Amino acid sequence: MAKKSAVEKNKARRKLVDRYAGRRAALKVTARDRTLPPEERFQAYLKLAELPRNSAKGRIRNRCQVTGRPRGVYRKFELSRISLRDLASVGQIPGMVKSSW
């Protein structure tokens, strides 16, 4: 089980990303538009830098929804490899069967 503080910190980051997604996208479009004058583009970069760091999508860590484990997480299921195997063995994931030979 992961530290509760790490899991909660990641949840807060997800909320910030959702809150600032529109502003961040608009500023990125403005900053990358080559047809605009350089001063306007530079101002967009400065405003982008003023946004909270945790509002960037790249700062979100993929974590298991059951245990909070940060590594070995399957994106499709949002579960770690360990939790996925346990739930599949019990039959909790439809269509998934633990292979044995």
PDB file of N, CA and C in Angstrom:
ATOM      1  N   MET A   1       0.837  -1.177   0.000  1.00  0.00           N
ATOM      2  CA  MET A   1       0.000   0.000   0.000  1.00  0.00           C
ATOM      3  C   MET A   1       0.883   1.242   0.000  1.00  0.00           C
ATOM      4  N   ALA A   2       0.581   2.168  -0.877  1.00  0.00           N
ATOM      5  CA  ALA A   2       1.372   3.394  -0.989  1.00  0.00           C
ATOM      6  C   ALA A   2       1.044   4.342   0.160  1.00  0.00           C
ATOM      7  N   LYS A   3       1.940   5.298   0.371  1.00  0.00           N
ATOM      8  CA  LYS A   3       1.688   6.298   1.404  1.00  0.00           C
ATOM      9  C   LYS A   3       0.443   7.102   1.035  1.00  0.00           C
ATOM     10  N   LYS A   4      -0.385   7.331   2.005  1.00  0.00           N
ATOM     11  CA  LYS A   4      -1.635   8.048   1.754  1.00  0.00           C
ATOM     12  C   LYS A   4      -1.366   9.472   1.272  1.00  0.00           C
ATOM     13  N   SER A   5      -0.287  10.079   1.782  1.00  0.00           N
ATOM     14  CA  SER A   5       0.029  11.448   1.383  1.00  0.00           C
ATOM     15  C   SER A   5       0.382  11.525  -0.105  1.00  0.00           C
ATOM     16  N   ALA A   6       1.075  10.512  -0.623  1.00  0.00           N
ATOM     17  CA  ALA A   6       1.441  10.499  -2.039  1.00  0.00           C
ATOM     18  C   ALA A   6       0.206  10.344  -2.922  1.00  0.00           C
ATOM     19  N   VAL A   7      -0.717   9.505  -2.489  1.00  0.00           N
ATOM     20  CA  VAL A   7      -1.952   9.295  -3.251  1.00  0.00           C
ATOM     21  C   VAL A   7      -2.783  10.571  -3.257  1.00  0.00           C
ATOM     22  N   GLU A   8      -2.900  11.226  -2.108  1.00  0.00           N
ATOM     23  CA  GLU A   8      -3.687  12.462  -2.006  1.00  0.00           C
ATOM     24  C   GLU A   8      -3.042  13.592  -2.799  1.00  0.00           C
ATOM     25  N   LYS A   9      -1.721  13.650  -2.796  1.00  0.00           N
ATOM     26  CA  LYS A   9      -1.012  14.671  -3.570  1.00  0.00           C
ATOM     27  C   LYS A   9      -1.302  14.505  -5.055  1.00  0.00           C
ATOM     28  N   ASN A  10      -1.346  13.257  -5.509  1.00  0.00           N
ATOM     29  CA  ASN A  10      -1.636  12.985  -6.912  1.00  0.00           C
ATOM     30  C   ASN A  10      -3.075  13.368  -7.263  1.00  0.00           C
ATOM     31  N   LYS A  11      -4.015  13.144  -6.323  1.00  0.00           N
ATOM     32  CA  LYS A  11      -5.406  13.530  -6.550  1.00  0.00           C
ATOM     33  C   LYS A  11      -5.526  15.049  -6.676  1.00  0.00           C
ATOM     34  N   ALA A  12      -4.783  15.767  -5.850  1.00  0.00           N
ATOM     35  CA  ALA A  12      -4.797  17.229  -5.923  1.00  0.00           C
ATOM     36  C   ALA A  12      -4.240  17.709  -7.254  1.00  0.00           C
ATOM     37  N   ARG A  13      -3.213  17.033  -7.745  1.00  0.00           N
ATOM     38  CA  ARG A  13      -2.644  17.386  -9.051  1.00  0.00           C
ATOM     39  C   ARG A  13      -3.669  17.185 -10.153  1.00  0.00           C
ATOM     40  N   ARG A  14      -4.421  16.094 -10.087  1.00  0.00           N
ATOM     41  CA  ARG A  14      -5.447  15.838 -11.105  1.00  0.00           C
ATOM     42  C   ARG A  14      -6.492  16.960 -11.111  1.00  0.00           C
ATOM     43  N   LYS A  15      -6.892  17.425  -9.936  1.00  0.00           N
ATOM     44  CA  LYS A  15      -7.863  18.520  -9.855  1.00  0.00           C
ATOM     45  C   LYS A  15      -7.301  19.795 -10.464  1.00  0.00           C
ATOM     46  N   LEU A  16      -6.032  20.098 -10.172  1.00  0.00           N
ATOM     47  CA  LEU A  16      -5.407  21.299 -10.729  1.00  0.00           C
ATOM     48  C   LEU A  16      -5.302  21.212 -12.250  1.00  0.00           C
ATOM     49  N   VAL A  17      -4.972  20.039 -12.768  1.00  0.00           N
ATOM     50  CA  VAL A  17      -4.875  19.874 -14.217  1.00  0.00           C
ATOM     51  C   VAL A  17      -6.225  20.155 -14.856  1.00  0.00           C
ATOM     52  N   ASP A  18      -7.295  19.629 -14.259  1.00  0.00           N
ATOM     53  CA  ASP A  18      -8.634  19.861 -14.801  1.00  0.00           C
ATOM     54  C   ASP A  18      -9.013  21.338 -14.736  1.00  0.00           C
ATOM     55  N   ARG A  19      -8.657  21.996 -13.646  1.00  0.00           N
ATOM     56  CA  ARG A  19      -9.023  23.397 -13.456  1.00  0.00           C
ATOM     57  C   ARG A  19      -8.319  24.321 -14.455  1.00  0.00           C
ATOM     58  N   TYR A  20      -7.044  24.057 -14.734  1.00  0.00           N
ATOM     59  CA  TYR A  20      -6.253  24.959 -15.567  1.00  0.00           C
ATOM     60  C   TYR A  20      -6.088  24.469 -17.008  1.00  0.00           C
ATOM     61  N   ALA A  21      -6.740  23.402 -17.398  1.00  0.00           N
ATOM     62  CA  ALA A  21      -6.534  22.823 -18.733  1.00  0.00           C
ATOM     63  C   ALA A  21      -6.870  23.812 -19.845  1.00  0.00           C
ATOM     64  N   GLY A  22      -7.978  24.499 -19.731  1.00  0.00           N
ATOM     65  CA  GLY A  22      -8.394  25.446 -20.767  1.00  0.00           C
ATOM     66  C   GLY A  22      -7.426  26.605 -20.914  1.00  0.00           C
ATOM     67  N   ARG A  23      -7.059  27.206 -19.783  1.00  0.00           N
ATOM     68  CA  ARG A  23      -6.124  28.340 -19.811  1.00  0.00           C
ATOM     69  C   ARG A  23      -4.768  27.928 -20.365  1.00  0.00           C
ATOM     70  N   ARG A  24      -4.294  26.781 -19.913  1.00  0.00           N
ATOM     71  CA  ARG A  24      -2.984  26.294 -20.349  1.00  0.00           C
ATOM     72  C   ARG A  24      -2.986  26.018 -21.859  1.00  0.00           C
ATOM     73  N   ALA A  25      -4.040  25.416 -22.372  1.00  0.00           N
ATOM     74  CA  ALA A  25      -4.120  25.108 -23.804  1.00  0.00           C
ATOM     75  C   ALA A  25      -4.154  26.391 -24.633  1.00  0.00           C
ATOM     76  N   ALA A  26      -4.941  27.384 -24.179  1.00  0.00           N
ATOM     77  CA  ALA A  26      -5.028  28.650 -24.919  1.00  0.00           C
ATOM     78  C   ALA A  26      -3.676  29.360 -24.950  1.00  0.00           C
ATOM     79  N   LEU A  27      -2.983  29.378 -23.824  1.00  0.00           N
ATOM     80  CA  LEU A  27      -1.676  30.037 -23.780  1.00  0.00           C
ATOM     81  C   LEU A  27      -0.651  29.310 -24.644  1.00  0.00           C
ATOM     82  N   LYS A  28      -0.722  27.985 -24.679  1.00  0.00           N
ATOM     83  CA  LYS A  28       0.208  27.225 -25.517  1.00  0.00           C
ATOM     84  C   LYS A  28      -0.017  27.517 -26.998  1.00  0.00           C
ATOM     85  N   VAL A  29      -1.287  27.619 -27.403  1.00  0.00           N
ATOM     86  CA  VAL A  29      -1.589  27.932 -28.800  1.00  0.00           C
ATOM     87  C   VAL A  29      -1.039  29.303 -29.152  1.00  0.00           C
ATOM     88  N   THR A  30      -1.244  30.276 -28.261  1.00  0.00           N
ATOM     89  CA  THR A  30      -0.747  31.632 -28.499  1.00  0.00           C
ATOM     90  C   THR A  30       0.780  31.658 -28.558  1.00  0.00           C
ATOM     91  N   ALA A  31       1.419  30.951 -27.660  1.00  0.00           N
ATOM     92  CA  ALA A  31       2.878  30.974 -27.585  1.00  0.00           C
ATOM     93  C   ALA A  31       3.530  30.300 -28.796  1.00  0.00           C
ATOM     94  N   ARG A  32       2.867  29.339 -29.395  1.00  0.00           N
ATOM     95  CA  ARG A  32       3.457  28.601 -30.512  1.00  0.00           C
ATOM     96  C   ARG A  32       3.050  29.132 -31.885  1.00  0.00           C
ATOM     97  N   ASP A  33       2.183  30.137 -31.906  1.00  0.00           N
ATOM     98  CA  ASP A  33       1.715  30.698 -33.173  1.00  0.00           C
ATOM     99  C   ASP A  33       2.781  31.621 -33.760  1.00  0.00           C
ATOM    100  N   ARG A  34       3.398  31.189 -34.853  1.00  0.00           N
ATOM    101  CA  ARG A  34       4.501  31.942 -35.475  1.00  0.00           C
ATOM    102  C   ARG A  34       4.032  33.210 -36.180  1.00  0.00           C
ATOM    103  N   THR A  35       2.725  33.333 -36.433  1.00  0.00           N
ATOM    104  CA  THR A  35       2.239  34.523 -37.127  1.00  0.00           C
ATOM    105  C   THR A  35       2.122  35.722 -36.203  1.00  0.00           C
ATOM    106  N   LEU A  36       2.087  35.502 -34.895  1.00  0.00           N
ATOM    107  CA  LEU A  36       1.970  36.596 -33.929  1.00  0.00           C
ATOM    108  C   LEU A  36       3.326  37.271 -33.724  1.00  0.00           C
ATOM    109  N   PRO A  37       3.302  38.523 -33.275  1.00  0.00           N
ATOM    110  CA  PRO A  37       4.573  39.201 -32.991  1.00  0.00           C
ATOM    111  C   PRO A  37       5.295  38.548 -31.803  1.00  0.00           C
ATOM    112  N   PRO A  38       6.617  38.621 -31.781  1.00  0.00           N
ATOM    113  CA  PRO A  38       7.399  37.961 -30.719  1.00  0.00           C
ATOM    114  C   PRO A  38       7.054  38.455 -29.304  1.00  0.00           C
ATOM    115  N   GLU A  39       6.700  39.743 -29.170  1.00  0.00           N
ATOM    116  CA  GLU A  39       6.372  40.265 -27.844  1.00  0.00           C
ATOM    117  C   GLU A  39       5.134  39.585 -27.269  1.00  0.00           C
ATOM    118  N   GLU A  40       4.136  39.392 -28.129  1.00  0.00           N
ATOM    119  CA  GLU A  40       2.897  38.758 -27.682  1.00  0.00           C
ATOM    120  C   GLU A  40       3.131  37.292 -27.312  1.00  0.00           C
ATOM    121  N   ARG A  41       3.945  36.622 -28.107  1.00  0.00           N
ATOM    122  CA  ARG A  41       4.277  35.227 -27.810  1.00  0.00           C
ATOM    123  C   ARG A  41       5.050  35.118 -26.500  1.00  0.00           C
ATOM    124  N   PHE A  42       5.965  36.039 -26.277  1.00  0.00           N
ATOM    125  CA  PHE A  42       6.760  36.028 -25.051  1.00  0.00           C
ATOM    126  C   PHE A  42       5.873  36.254 -23.825  1.00  0.00           C
ATOM    127  N   GLN A  43       4.896  37.165 -23.953  1.00  0.00           N
ATOM    128  CA  GLN A  43       3.953  37.401 -22.855  1.00  0.00           C
ATOM    129  C   GLN A  43       3.156  36.134 -22.535  1.00  0.00           C
ATOM    130  N   ALA A  44       2.784  35.387 -23.581  1.00  0.00           N
ATOM    131  CA  ALA A  44       2.052  34.133 -23.368  1.00  0.00           C
ATOM    132  C   ALA A  44       2.924  33.131 -22.620  1.00  0.00           C
ATOM    133  N   TYR A  45       4.217  33.069 -22.956  1.00  0.00           N
ATOM    134  CA  TYR A  45       5.144  32.184 -22.242  1.00  0.00           C
ATOM    135  C   TYR A  45       5.274  32.584 -20.778  1.00  0.00           C
ATOM    136  N   LEU A  46       5.310  33.900 -20.525  1.00  0.00           N
ATOM    137  CA  LEU A  46       5.411  34.363 -19.135  1.00  0.00           C
ATOM    138  C   LEU A  46       4.159  34.000 -18.337  1.00  0.00           C
ATOM    139  N   LYS A  47       2.991  34.176 -18.938  1.00  0.00           N
ATOM    140  CA  LYS A  47       1.737  33.817 -18.253  1.00  0.00           C
ATOM    141  C   LYS A  47       1.661  32.311 -18.016  1.00  0.00           C
ATOM    142  N   LEU A  48       2.179  31.546 -18.971  1.00  0.00           N
ATOM    143  CA  LEU A  48       2.207  30.087 -18.823  1.00  0.00           C
ATOM    144  C   LEU A  48       3.105  29.691 -17.656  1.00  0.00           C
ATOM    145  N   ALA A  49       4.208  30.409 -17.486  1.00  0.00           N
ATOM    146  CA  ALA A  49       5.128  30.109 -16.389  1.00  0.00           C
ATOM    147  C   ALA A  49       4.542  30.499 -15.035  1.00  0.00           C
ATOM    148  N   GLU A  50       3.580  31.431 -15.019  1.00  0.00           N
ATOM    149  CA  GLU A  50       2.960  31.855 -13.760  1.00  0.00           C
ATOM    150  C   GLU A  50       1.935  30.855 -13.239  1.00  0.00           C
ATOM    151  N   LEU A  51       1.451  29.975 -14.119  1.00  0.00           N
ATOM    152  CA  LEU A  51       0.478  28.965 -13.676  1.00  0.00           C
ATOM    153  C   LEU A  51       1.155  27.997 -12.711  1.00  0.00           C
ATOM    154  N   PRO A  52       0.384  27.368 -11.824  1.00  0.00           N
ATOM    155  CA  PRO A  52       0.982  26.410 -10.886  1.00  0.00           C
ATOM    156  C   PRO A  52       1.656  25.253 -11.614  1.00  0.00           C
ATOM    157  N   ARG A  53       2.777  24.821 -11.087  1.00  0.00           N
ATOM    158  CA  ARG A  53       3.508  23.712 -11.720  1.00  0.00           C
ATOM    159  C   ARG A  53       2.673  22.448 -11.765  1.00  0.00           C
ATOM    160  N   ASN A  54       1.930  22.203 -10.711  1.00  0.00           N
ATOM    161  CA  ASN A  54       1.149  20.972 -10.648  1.00  0.00           C
ATOM    162  C   ASN A  54      -0.066  20.985 -11.569  1.00  0.00           C
ATOM    163  N   SER A  55      -0.263  22.074 -12.307  1.00  0.00           N
ATOM    164  CA  SER A  55      -1.362  22.101 -13.268  1.00  0.00           C
ATOM    165  C   SER A  55      -0.925  21.546 -14.621  1.00  0.00           C
ATOM    166  N   ALA A  56       0.334  21.129 -14.733  1.00  0.00           N
ATOM    167  CA  ALA A  56       0.820  20.510 -15.969  1.00  0.00           C
ATOM    168  C   ALA A  56       0.456  19.026 -15.966  1.00  0.00           C
ATOM    169  N   LYS A  57      -0.013  18.555 -17.106  1.00  0.00           N
ATOM    170  CA  LYS A  57      -0.481  17.169 -17.194  1.00  0.00           C
ATOM    171  C   LYS A  57       0.640  16.161 -16.974  1.00  0.00           C
ATOM    172  N   GLY A  58       1.848  16.526 -17.325  1.00  0.00           N
ATOM    173  CA  GLY A  58       2.978  15.610 -17.181  1.00  0.00           C
ATOM    174  C   GLY A  58       3.370  15.333 -15.743  1.00  0.00           C
ATOM    175  N   ARG A  59       2.843  16.096 -14.786  1.00  0.00           N
ATOM    176  CA  ARG A  59       3.198  15.894 -13.383  1.00  0.00           C
ATOM    177  C   ARG A  59       2.309  14.861 -12.692  1.00  0.00           C
ATOM    178  N   ILE A  60       1.280  14.396 -13.401  1.00  0.00           N
ATOM    179  CA  ILE A  60       0.404  13.365 -12.825  1.00  0.00           C
ATOM    180  C   ILE A  60       1.101  12.021 -12.925  1.00  0.00           C
ATOM    181  N   ARG A  61       1.050  11.273 -11.846  1.00  0.00           N
ATOM    182  CA  ARG A  61       1.652   9.948 -11.797  1.00  0.00           C
ATOM    183  C   ARG A  61       0.543   8.918 -11.927  1.00  0.00           C
ATOM    184  N   ASN A  62       0.735   7.939 -12.829  1.00  0.00           N
ATOM    185  CA  ASN A  62      -0.230   6.848 -12.940  1.00  0.00           C
ATOM    186  C   ASN A  62      -0.096   5.969 -11.708  1.00  0.00           C
ATOM    187  N   ARG A  63      -1.178   5.809 -10.977  1.00  0.00           N
ATOM    188  CA  ARG A  63      -1.181   4.998  -9.768  1.00  0.00           C
ATOM    189  C   ARG A  63      -2.314   4.002  -9.810  1.00  0.00           C
ATOM    190  N   CYS A  64      -2.120   2.884  -9.143  1.00  0.00           N
ATOM    191  CA  CYS A  64      -3.145   1.854  -9.034  1.00  0.00           C
ATOM    192  C   CYS A  64      -4.325   2.414  -8.248  1.00  0.00           C
ATOM    193  N   GLN A  65      -5.543   2.150  -8.715  1.00  0.00           N
ATOM    194  CA  GLN A  65      -6.735   2.650  -8.042  1.00  0.00           C
ATOM    195  C   GLN A  65      -7.035   1.877  -6.751  1.00  0.00           C
ATOM    196  N   VAL A  66      -6.498   0.671  -6.645  1.00  0.00           N
ATOM    197  CA  VAL A  66      -6.763  -0.152  -5.460  1.00  0.00           C
ATOM    198  C   VAL A  66      -5.719   0.092  -4.372  1.00  0.00           C
ATOM    199  N   THR A  67      -4.440   0.021  -4.748  1.00  0.00           N
ATOM    200  CA  THR A  67      -3.378   0.085  -3.744  1.00  0.00           C
ATOM    201  C   THR A  67      -2.603   1.393  -3.746  1.00  0.00           C
ATOM    202  N   GLY A  68      -2.648   2.142  -4.847  1.00  0.00           N
ATOM    203  CA  GLY A  68      -1.867   3.371  -4.936  1.00  0.00           C
ATOM    204  C   GLY A  68      -0.446   3.138  -5.411  1.00  0.00           C
ATOM    205  N   ARG A  69      -0.130   1.916  -5.799  1.00  0.00           N
ATOM    206  CA  ARG A  69       1.222   1.581  -6.260  1.00  0.00           C
ATOM    207  C   ARG A  69       1.557   2.384  -7.522  1.00  0.00           C
ATOM    208  N   PRO A  70       2.754   3.026  -7.559  1.00  0.00           N
ATOM    209  CA  PRO A  70       3.085   3.880  -8.692  1.00  0.00           C
ATOM    210  C   PRO A  70       3.723   3.172  -9.882  1.00  0.00           C
ATOM    211  N   ARG A  71       4.180   1.947  -9.710  1.00  0.00           N
ATOM    212  CA  ARG A  71       4.891   1.274 -10.796  1.00  0.00           C
ATOM    213  C   ARG A  71       4.148   0.033 -11.255  1.00  0.00           C
ATOM    214  N   GLY A  72       4.343  -0.314 -12.499  1.00  0.00           N
ATOM    215  CA  GLY A  72       3.702  -1.506 -13.046  1.00  0.00           C
ATOM    216  C   GLY A  72       2.205  -1.349 -13.163  1.00  0.00           C
ATOM    217  N   VAL A  73       1.745  -0.163 -13.598  1.00  0.00           N
ATOM    218  CA  VAL A  73       0.319   0.119 -13.692  1.00  0.00           C
ATOM    219  C   VAL A  73      -0.132  -0.020 -15.139  1.00  0.00           C
ATOM    220  N   TYR A  74      -1.177  -0.805 -15.357  1.00  0.00           N
ATOM    221  CA  TYR A  74      -1.776  -0.937 -16.681  1.00  0.00           C
ATOM    222  C   TYR A  74      -2.738   0.223 -16.883  1.00  0.00           C
ATOM    223  N   ARG A  75      -2.519   1.000 -17.931  1.00  0.00           N
ATOM    224  CA  ARG A  75      -3.339   2.186 -18.167  1.00  0.00           C
ATOM    225  C   ARG A  75      -4.792   1.842 -18.443  1.00  0.00           C
ATOM    226  N   LYS A  76      -5.012   0.770 -19.163  1.00  0.00           N
ATOM    227  CA  LYS A  76      -6.378   0.394 -19.546  1.00  0.00           C
ATOM    228  C   LYS A  76      -7.247   0.107 -18.321  1.00  0.00           C
ATOM    229  N   PHE A  77      -6.680  -0.544 -17.337  1.00  0.00           N
ATOM    230  CA  PHE A  77      -7.434  -0.932 -16.148  1.00  0.00           C
ATOM    231  C   PHE A  77      -7.205   0.008 -14.966  1.00  0.00           C
ATOM    232  N   GLU A  78      -6.158   0.815 -15.030  1.00  0.00           N
ATOM    233  CA  GLU A  78      -5.727   1.669 -13.922  1.00  0.00           C
ATOM    234  C   GLU A  78      -5.464   0.836 -12.665  1.00  0.00           C
ATOM    235  N   LEU A  79      -4.877  -0.341 -12.881  1.00  0.00           N
ATOM    236  CA  LEU A  79      -4.527  -1.253 -11.796  1.00  0.00           C
ATOM    237  C   LEU A  79      -3.071  -1.661 -11.941  1.00  0.00           C
ATOM    238  N   SER A  80      -2.442  -1.928 -10.809  1.00  0.00           N
ATOM    239  CA  SER A  80      -1.068  -2.429 -10.868  1.00  0.00           C
ATOM    240  C   SER A  80      -1.097  -3.884 -11.308  1.00  0.00           C
ATOM    241  N   ARG A  81       0.055  -4.375 -11.728  1.00  0.00           N
ATOM    242  CA  ARG A  81       0.142  -5.748 -12.209  1.00  0.00           C
ATOM    243  C   ARG A  81      -0.258  -6.742 -11.123  1.00  0.00           C
ATOM    244  N   ILE A  82       0.044  -6.408  -9.871  1.00  0.00           N
ATOM    245  CA  ILE A  82      -0.255  -7.303  -8.755  1.00  0.00           C
ATOM    246  C   ILE A  82      -1.759  -7.340  -8.496  1.00  0.00           C
ATOM    247  N   SER A  83      -2.372  -6.163  -8.425  1.00  0.00           N
ATOM    248  CA  SER A  83      -3.821  -6.086  -8.198  1.00  0.00           C
ATOM    249  C   SER A  83      -4.587  -6.703  -9.356  1.00  0.00           C
ATOM    250  N   LEU A  84      -4.092  -6.482 -10.568  1.00  0.00           N
ATOM    251  CA  LEU A  84      -4.751  -7.030 -11.742  1.00  0.00           C
ATOM    252  C   LEU A  84      -4.760  -8.553 -11.685  1.00  0.00           C
ATOM    253  N   ARG A  85      -3.637  -9.132 -11.311  1.00  0.00           N
ATOM    254  CA  ARG A  85      -3.556 -10.593 -11.244  1.00  0.00           C
ATOM    255  C   ARG A  85      -4.464 -11.137 -10.135  1.00  0.00           C
ATOM    256  N   ASP A  86      -4.471 -10.473  -8.981  1.00  0.00           N
ATOM    257  CA  ASP A  86      -5.329 -10.924  -7.882  1.00  0.00           C
ATOM    258  C   ASP A  86      -6.802 -10.877  -8.271  1.00  0.00           C
ATOM    259  N   LEU A  87      -7.228  -9.767  -8.862  1.00  0.00           N
ATOM    260  CA  LEU A  87      -8.636  -9.631  -9.240  1.00  0.00           C
ATOM    261  C   LEU A  87      -9.000 -10.588 -10.374  1.00  0.00           C
ATOM    262  N   ALA A  88      -8.076 -10.814 -11.306  1.00  0.00           N
ATOM    263  CA  ALA A  88      -8.353 -11.753 -12.392  1.00  0.00           C
ATOM    264  C   ALA A  88      -8.468 -13.176 -11.871  1.00  0.00           C
ATOM    265  N   SER A  89      -7.661 -13.532 -10.881  1.00  0.00           N
ATOM    266  CA  SER A  89      -7.706 -14.884 -10.323  1.00  0.00           C
ATOM    267  C   SER A  89      -9.023 -15.157  -9.613  1.00  0.00           C
ATOM    268  N   VAL A  90      -9.566 -14.120  -9.000  1.00  0.00           N
ATOM    269  CA  VAL A  90     -10.829 -14.262  -8.278  1.00  0.00           C
ATOM    270  C   VAL A  90     -12.015 -14.200  -9.226  1.00  0.00           C
ATOM    271  N   GLY A  91     -11.785 -13.675 -10.448  1.00  0.00           N
ATOM    272  CA  GLY A  91     -12.865 -13.577 -11.431  1.00  0.00           C
ATOM    273  C   GLY A  91     -13.585 -12.253 -11.386  1.00  0.00           C
ATOM    274  N   GLN A  92     -12.953 -11.231 -10.849  1.00  0.00           N
ATOM    275  CA  GLN A  92     -13.582  -9.917 -10.722  1.00  0.00           C
ATOM    276  C   GLN A  92     -13.495  -9.092 -12.010  1.00  0.00           C
ATOM    277  N   ILE A  93     -12.607  -9.465 -12.930  1.00  0.00           N
ATOM    278  CA  ILE A  93     -12.459  -8.725 -14.182  1.00  0.00           C
ATOM    279  C   ILE A  93     -13.095  -9.565 -15.288  1.00  0.00           C
ATOM    280  N   PRO A  94     -14.181  -9.079 -15.898  1.00  0.00           N
ATOM    281  CA  PRO A  94     -14.890  -9.868 -16.906  1.00  0.00           C
ATOM    282  C   PRO A  94     -14.025 -10.196 -18.111  1.00  0.00           C
ATOM    283  N   GLY A  95     -14.034 -11.451 -18.532  1.00  0.00           N
ATOM    284  CA  GLY A  95     -13.321 -11.875 -19.724  1.00  0.00           C
ATOM    285  C   GLY A  95     -11.864 -12.176 -19.515  1.00  0.00           C
ATOM    286  N   MET A  96     -11.338 -11.927 -18.337  1.00  0.00           N
ATOM    287  CA  MET A  96      -9.915 -12.173 -18.093  1.00  0.00           C
ATOM    288  C   MET A  96      -9.778 -13.456 -17.271  1.00  0.00           C
ATOM    289  N   VAL A  97      -8.925 -14.352 -17.761  1.00  0.00           N
ATOM    290  CA  VAL A  97      -8.695 -15.612 -17.096  1.00  0.00           C
ATOM    291  C   VAL A  97      -7.201 -15.773 -16.870  1.00  0.00           C
ATOM    292  N   LYS A  98      -6.834 -16.196 -15.695  1.00  0.00           N
ATOM    293  CA  LYS A  98      -5.426 -16.442 -15.402  1.00  0.00           C
ATOM    294  C   LYS A  98      -5.008 -17.696 -16.148  1.00  0.00           C
ATOM    295  N   SER A  99      -3.957 -17.556 -16.941  1.00  0.00           N
ATOM    296  CA  SER A  99      -3.535 -18.709 -17.728  1.00  0.00           C
ATOM    297  C   SER A  99      -2.710 -19.650 -16.845  1.00  0.00           C
ATOM    298  N   SER A 100      -2.899 -20.922 -17.099  1.00  0.00           N
ATOM    299  CA  SER A 100      -2.092 -21.931 -16.397  1.00  0.00           C
ATOM    300  C   SER A 100      -1.912 -23.092 -17.360  1.00  0.00           C
ATOM    301  N   TRP A 101      -0.751 -23.720 -17.329  1.00  0.00           N
ATOM    302  CA  TRP A 101      -0.500 -24.849 -18.232  1.00  0.00           C
ATOM    303  C   TRP A 101       0.303 -25.903 -17.545  1.00  0.00           C
TER     304      TRP A 101
END
